[in-house]
Protein backbone atom coordinates (compact mmCIF):
# COMPACT_ATOMS: atom_id res chain seq x y z
CA UNK A 1 122.54 66.63 78.60
CA UNK A 2 124.79 65.46 75.80
CA UNK A 3 127.22 62.58 76.08
CA UNK A 4 130.95 62.88 75.48
CA UNK A 5 133.28 59.94 75.78
CA UNK A 6 136.87 60.54 76.81
CA UNK A 7 139.83 58.22 76.78
CA UNK A 8 142.08 57.90 79.81
CA UNK A 9 145.41 56.19 80.06
CA UNK A 10 145.65 53.06 82.17
CA UNK A 11 147.32 55.16 84.89
CA UNK A 12 144.67 57.90 84.93
CA UNK A 13 141.57 55.70 85.17
CA UNK A 14 142.28 54.40 88.70
CA UNK A 15 143.31 57.90 89.80
CA UNK A 16 140.03 59.41 88.58
CA UNK A 17 138.00 56.61 90.15
CA UNK A 18 139.85 56.99 93.47
CA UNK A 19 139.44 60.76 93.50
CA UNK A 20 135.74 60.48 92.71
CA UNK A 21 135.28 58.07 95.59
CA UNK A 22 137.47 59.95 98.07
CA UNK A 23 135.82 63.29 97.32
CA UNK A 24 132.29 61.96 97.61
CA UNK A 25 131.20 62.00 93.96
CA UNK A 26 128.66 59.41 92.82
CA UNK A 27 130.53 58.67 89.63
CA UNK A 28 133.79 59.50 87.93
CA UNK A 29 131.73 61.54 85.45
CA UNK A 30 130.53 63.78 88.29
CA UNK A 31 134.15 64.31 89.34
CA UNK A 32 135.26 65.20 85.80
CA UNK A 33 132.31 67.57 85.34
CA UNK A 34 133.26 69.37 88.56
CA UNK A 35 136.86 69.70 87.37
CA UNK A 36 135.62 71.26 84.13
CA UNK A 37 133.30 73.67 86.00
CA UNK A 38 136.18 74.74 88.25
CA UNK A 39 138.40 75.30 85.22
CA UNK A 40 135.68 77.44 83.62
CA UNK A 41 135.50 79.52 86.79
CA UNK A 42 139.27 79.96 86.90
CA UNK A 43 139.34 81.06 83.28
CA UNK A 44 136.52 83.54 83.88
CA UNK A 45 138.30 84.96 86.93
CA UNK A 46 141.56 85.20 85.00
CA UNK A 47 139.77 87.12 82.24
CA UNK A 48 138.30 89.55 84.76
CA UNK A 49 141.67 90.05 86.45
CA UNK A 50 143.39 90.70 83.13
CA UNK A 51 140.65 93.13 82.10
CA UNK A 52 141.04 94.94 85.41
CA UNK A 53 144.81 95.08 85.05
CA UNK A 54 144.46 96.52 81.54
CA UNK A 55 141.88 99.14 82.58
CA UNK A 56 142.64 102.76 83.27
CA UNK A 57 143.44 103.79 86.82
CA UNK A 58 140.55 105.19 88.84
CA UNK A 59 140.30 107.40 91.88
CA UNK A 60 142.13 106.08 94.93
CA UNK A 61 140.22 103.77 97.22
CA UNK A 62 140.55 105.29 100.67
CA UNK A 63 138.51 105.82 103.80
CA UNK A 64 136.30 108.42 102.12
CA UNK A 65 135.46 105.99 99.34
CA UNK A 66 134.37 103.28 101.78
CA UNK A 67 132.39 105.79 103.84
CA UNK A 68 130.49 106.83 100.69
CA UNK A 69 129.64 103.17 100.09
CA UNK A 70 128.39 102.81 103.67
CA UNK A 71 126.23 105.91 103.20
CA UNK A 72 124.76 104.49 99.98
CA UNK A 73 123.91 101.23 101.76
CA UNK A 74 122.27 103.03 104.66
CA UNK A 75 120.10 105.08 102.28
CA UNK A 76 119.04 102.08 100.21
């Protein structure tokens, strides 16, 4: 693990410490790491949604489509 130091304003430091404590994190660093991981996940999801929105339309998803999936699962 590498170390990165960050600077917080006088107003943010108590907020981060309080949130870490209230949310059950051992340290404020654990809390900040979790915020970064969640942001990574949101960015990845956003990228997937944008890629899906930009993709070509496919066949309609209807009852027949879901029945074919059920059949595939039963066979597997």
